[in-house]
Amino acid sequence: IGLTAEVVRVGETLEVRELRALAEGGEVSGTGQVRLSETTSFDAALTVKNFDPAAFGDYPAGSLSGSLDATGRLGARRRIDAKWNLRDSSLYGYVFQSEGAARVSGNQVSGVNAEVRLGANRLSARGAFGRPGDELALALDAPRLEEFAPAAGSVRARGTLTGPLDKIRAV
């Protein structure tokens, strides 16, 4: 495992000019900024190439490649906007892809538009969740359960999560 970083402080801003982490042939690299004020804000751009989660512990073996862009603020009024795209990847020995975007504000997730594919299986999520009136539509099309679960067969399901976190309702 190797790690290099070039971080410079300019006033109240930490500029991450270069970040590189290497492990077993995989690489994570990125840039970003962290503004150190009463409300800590940040922006980050990460690129992943042939990253194997198993190199860092008891995680599934794979090879992940893609990107993540995130901006936001931390603290009591937390807000994080994220957009990601993983392609040309594998997990559990199957083709893996994920693409999406979402915003986390406090205990709410909104603007969710996400899709995950593992082998022949697909899960998508659209909408918002966490506040009264929010609806998060979920769709699972899993014709080959054995590709990610200790079971054989298939599942096709559609549903919606609604309500605040303390009164979750699934339809």
Protein backbone atom coordinates (compact mmCIF):
# COMPACT_ATOMS: atom_id res chain seq x y z
CA ILE A 1 0.00 0.00 0.00
CA GLY A 2 1.34 3.40 -0.94
CA LEU A 3 -0.01 6.88 -0.30
CA THR A 4 1.16 10.25 -1.56
CA ALA A 5 -0.49 13.62 -1.16
CA GLU A 6 0.26 17.25 -1.84
CA VAL A 7 -1.85 19.44 0.45
CA VAL A 8 -1.34 23.20 0.79
CA ARG A 9 -3.06 25.53 3.23
CA VAL A 10 -4.02 28.91 1.79
CA GLY A 11 -5.75 30.96 4.49
CA GLU A 12 -8.77 28.97 5.60
CA THR A 13 -8.58 26.58 2.64
CA LEU A 14 -6.79 23.25 2.40
CA GLU A 15 -6.06 22.56 -1.26
CA VAL A 16 -5.55 18.89 -2.05
CA ARG A 17 -3.54 19.34 -5.22
CA GLU A 18 -2.76 15.65 -5.57
CA LEU A 19 -3.82 12.51 -3.75
CA ARG A 20 -2.77 9.00 -4.78
CA ALA A 21 -3.31 5.71 -3.01
CA LEU A 22 -1.89 2.51 -4.52
CA ALA A 23 -2.65 -1.05 -3.46
CA GLU A 24 -2.08 -4.34 -5.29
CA GLY A 25 -2.19 -2.80 -8.78
CA GLY A 26 -5.15 -0.51 -8.09
CA GLU A 27 -5.14 3.24 -7.71
CA VAL A 28 -7.30 5.99 -6.25
CA SER A 29 -6.36 9.54 -7.23
CA GLY A 30 -7.98 12.88 -6.72
CA THR A 31 -8.01 16.56 -6.01
CA GLY A 32 -10.16 18.80 -3.86
CA GLN A 33 -10.55 21.59 -1.38
CA VAL A 34 -11.64 21.83 2.23
CA ARG A 35 -12.66 25.23 3.56
CA LEU A 36 -12.05 25.44 7.31
CA SER A 37 -14.65 27.83 8.59
CA GLU A 38 -17.54 27.60 11.06
CA THR A 39 -19.26 25.38 8.49
CA THR A 40 -16.63 23.15 6.90
CA SER A 41 -17.27 22.86 3.17
CA PHE A 42 -15.51 20.76 0.57
CA ASP A 43 -15.33 19.66 -3.02
CA ALA A 44 -13.57 16.56 -4.26
CA ALA A 45 -12.96 14.72 -7.51
CA LEU A 46 -11.76 11.11 -7.25
CA THR A 47 -10.79 8.64 -9.94
CA VAL A 48 -10.54 4.92 -9.26
CA LYS A 49 -8.63 2.52 -11.49
CA ASN A 50 -8.50 -1.26 -10.93
CA PHE A 51 -9.21 -0.78 -7.20
CA ASP A 52 -9.68 -4.07 -5.29
CA PRO A 53 -11.73 -3.60 -2.09
CA ALA A 54 -10.32 -6.89 -0.73
CA ALA A 55 -6.88 -5.24 -0.50
CA PHE A 56 -8.18 -3.24 2.49
CA GLY A 57 -9.86 -5.92 4.58
CA ASP A 58 -12.71 -8.40 4.59
CA TYR A 59 -14.44 -6.98 1.51
CA PRO A 60 -15.42 -8.68 -1.75
CA ALA A 61 -12.68 -9.10 -4.34
CA GLY A 62 -13.06 -7.02 -7.45
CA SER A 63 -11.64 -4.42 -9.75
CA LEU A 64 -13.39 -1.05 -9.61
CA SER A 65 -12.79 1.76 -12.11
CA GLY A 66 -14.62 5.06 -12.41
CA SER A 67 -15.12 8.44 -10.81
CA LEU A 68 -16.78 10.25 -7.91
CA ASP A 69 -17.44 13.98 -7.66
CA ALA A 70 -18.72 15.39 -4.37
CA THR A 71 -19.35 18.85 -2.93
CA GLY A 72 -20.96 19.98 0.26
CA ARG A 73 -20.69 21.09 3.83
CA LEU A 74 -20.31 19.20 7.08
CA GLY A 75 -21.55 19.89 10.58
CA ALA A 76 -25.01 20.56 11.95
CA ARG A 77 -26.35 21.66 8.54
CA ARG A 78 -24.76 18.82 6.57
CA ARG A 79 -25.33 18.72 2.81
CA ILE A 80 -23.49 16.52 0.35
CA ASP A 81 -24.06 16.36 -3.40
CA ALA A 82 -22.50 13.34 -5.08
CA LYS A 83 -22.27 12.02 -8.61
CA TRP A 84 -20.55 8.73 -9.45
CA ASN A 85 -19.86 6.46 -12.39
CA LEU A 86 -18.21 3.05 -12.03
CA ARG A 87 -17.64 1.23 -15.31
CA ASP A 88 -15.35 -1.49 -16.68
CA SER A 89 -15.49 -3.03 -13.21
CA SER A 90 -16.03 -6.41 -11.57
CA LEU A 91 -17.16 -7.59 -8.15
CA TYR A 92 -17.62 -11.17 -6.90
CA GLY A 93 -16.26 -12.24 -10.30
CA TYR A 94 -19.10 -10.57 -12.24
CA VAL A 95 -19.37 -7.40 -14.31
CA PHE A 96 -20.18 -4.48 -12.01
CA GLN A 97 -21.44 -1.01 -12.97
CA SER A 98 -22.97 1.82 -10.99
CA GLU A 99 -23.98 5.30 -12.05
CA GLY A 100 -25.93 7.93 -10.22
CA ALA A 101 -26.38 11.12 -8.30
CA ALA A 102 -27.91 12.07 -4.96
CA ARG A 103 -28.01 14.80 -2.32
CA VAL A 104 -27.83 14.13 1.43
CA SER A 105 -29.20 16.96 3.61
CA GLY A 106 -29.39 16.16 7.30
CA ASN A 107 -31.46 12.96 7.45
CA GLN A 108 -32.92 13.31 3.96
CA VAL A 109 -31.69 11.92 0.66
CA SER A 110 -33.07 13.69 -2.42
CA GLY A 111 -32.44 13.89 -6.13
CA VAL A 112 -31.69 10.17 -6.16
CA ASN A 113 -31.16 8.80 -9.64
CA ALA A 114 -29.03 5.68 -9.28
CA GLU A 115 -28.50 2.32 -10.89
CA VAL A 116 -26.35 -0.66 -9.90
CA ARG A 117 -25.68 -3.71 -12.09
CA LEU A 118 -23.97 -6.88 -10.93
CA GLY A 119 -23.77 -9.54 -13.59
CA ALA A 120 -27.28 -9.97 -14.99
CA ASN A 121 -28.89 -8.26 -11.96
CA ARG A 122 -30.02 -4.64 -11.73
CA LEU A 123 -31.22 -2.36 -8.91
CA SER A 124 -32.41 1.20 -9.50
CA ALA A 125 -33.56 3.96 -7.16
CA ARG A 126 -35.29 7.24 -8.06
CA GLY A 127 -36.72 10.03 -5.92
CA ALA A 128 -36.22 11.15 -2.32
CA PHE A 129 -36.43 9.70 1.17
CA GLY A 130 -36.41 10.95 4.75
CA ARG A 131 -39.12 13.63 5.00
CA PRO A 132 -42.93 13.47 5.01
CA GLY A 133 -44.15 13.33 1.41
CA ASP A 134 -40.88 11.92 0.03
CA GLU A 135 -41.04 8.87 -2.23
CA LEU A 136 -38.13 6.69 -3.24
CA ALA A 137 -39.01 4.24 -6.02
CA LEU A 138 -36.96 1.04 -6.04
CA ALA A 139 -36.81 -1.59 -8.77
CA LEU A 140 -34.94 -4.88 -8.53
CA ASP A 141 -34.58 -7.18 -11.50
CA ALA A 142 -32.45 -10.13 -10.36
CA PRO A 143 -32.72 -13.05 -12.79
CA ARG A 144 -29.57 -14.70 -11.32
CA LEU A 145 -29.57 -14.41 -7.52
CA GLU A 146 -26.56 -16.71 -7.24
CA GLU A 147 -24.40 -13.91 -8.64
CA PHE A 148 -24.65 -11.96 -5.36
CA ALA A 149 -26.51 -14.06 -2.76
CA PRO A 150 -26.18 -17.56 -1.29
CA ALA A 151 -29.37 -18.62 -3.09
CA ALA A 152 -30.41 -19.64 -6.58
CA GLY A 153 -33.40 -18.37 -8.50
CA SER A 154 -34.71 -15.01 -9.56
CA VAL A 155 -36.51 -12.02 -8.05
CA ARG A 156 -38.32 -9.13 -9.65
CA ALA A 157 -39.65 -6.49 -7.27
CA ARG A 158 -40.91 -2.92 -7.42
CA GLY A 159 -41.69 -0.75 -4.44
CA THR A 160 -41.69 2.67 -2.87
CA LEU A 161 -40.29 3.88 0.44
CA THR A 162 -42.13 6.86 1.92
CA GLY A 163 -42.20 8.95 5.05
CA PRO A 164 -39.69 10.28 7.53
CA LEU A 165 -36.95 8.04 8.93
CA ASP A 166 -38.82 7.36 12.17
CA LYS A 167 -41.98 6.22 10.30
CA ILE A 168 -40.71 4.37 7.23
CA ARG A 169 -43.40 2.89 5.05
CA ALA A 170 -42.78 0.42 2.23
CA VAL A 171 -45.37 -0.12 -0.48
